[in-house]
Amino acid sequence: MAAHGSDPLSPCHESQPSERDKVAFLSSQAPYPEITGEVEVHETHMAWVFLVDDRAYKLKKPLAYGHGDGRSLTMREFLCREEVRLNRRLAPDVYLGVVPLGLDLAGNLVLRGSERVVDWLVVMRRLPEPLLLDVALKKESVLPADIDRVADRLIDFYRGLEPEPISPDAYLDHFAREHASNREVLEDERLSLPRERVKAVLSRLDHLIEEVPDLLGDRARQGRIVEGHGDLRPEHVCLSRPPVIIDCLEFSHVLRQVDPFDELSFLGMECDRLGAGWIGRQLLERCTRALHDSPDPRLLAFYTAYRACLRARLTLLHLLEPDPCKPEKWQARAWEYLALAERACVGPELKPLRQ
């Protein structure tokens, strides 16, 4: 694990503890005097999460990534505060605040030590795991009424957002760039995806972007683009009453500039991957009526296929790491996303206009 680099804006940059030191400290019981059980530790690509009784503490990794840079202490504090601010829109009672990780006079790490701050953590109320949508789907315990409540929560959210000032050209360019990045990975010869199947899916998306640009551009022109969630997946949806939705993309305003029906198509596609294709249909039907918006079926098919290709790309990137963990898992997952992209392209909606 890499040590945290120096930060000229930090008050104690000459004696910064490493990331390993911080994780070891937060994994122990020492920071939590009222703890009644063990600390449960989870690592994600961008953060460490420490589950302590009914609380979750999230420590961001000092990483530079495509749409943000968390290497400086100042930026990590900003991202923590943005995470709380933005996620309170859909989970107001879950995101409790931001706390400092500091050093005491003896140089020992202490949670909520504000004298010599060396990092920041987001504090959340821990959600009941059985109510997370991905877990509930695996247990086949999700009811249509649950999805109606999620849809209604999202409808209220989208209704309360102002249109984003993004031009049709800028909106279209975003998809063109991401589509090119998808192609670069999906066609990588080091990977074992079937080349003809990949080419067929990407070609259909090419034709829609290149030959029917107004299909996407009109969404921006009509003021349909809002600052949404950006990463609406089943594992981020809790079927509590009322439902709450967590983990938006706090690090990128660009990726939060979305069409609500792009997000809804994404959530529906991920539920389909988990064997519940009915959820996407129900979400779209309810939201179409309530939002008084009826997107072109070709647009919904594009959003679904594009998101499936994007998820396939992010999945395959694990296989391109020097020493990938569980390669068979990522390979199987990529095939699932390819199949979902193909299914979205099967109907007449995304057929090329020219043969």
Foldseek 3Di string as FASTA:
>chain_A
DFFQAFAPVFPPRVDFGGPVQVVVVLQACVQPVPADDHWDWDDDPFWIWTDTPQKIKIFGDQADDDQFGNRHQVVQVVLLQLQLVVQCLFVVQFFDAKAFWAADPVRDTYTNDDPRGNHMITMTGHADVCQQQLNVLVVVNDDPVLLVLVLVSVLVSLVPFFQDQDALVRQLVVLVVLLVLLCVQVCPPVDDDDPVLVVVLSVLLVQCSPPVSCLRRVCNVVRQWGQAQLQQESRQWGSDVNIGGHDGDSSHSVSSGDRVLLSLLLHLLRVVLSVCNVSSVSSCVVSCVSVVHDRDLLVSLSSNLSSLSSVLSVLCVLVVDPDRDPPVVSSVSSVSSSVRNVVSCVDPSRDRPPD
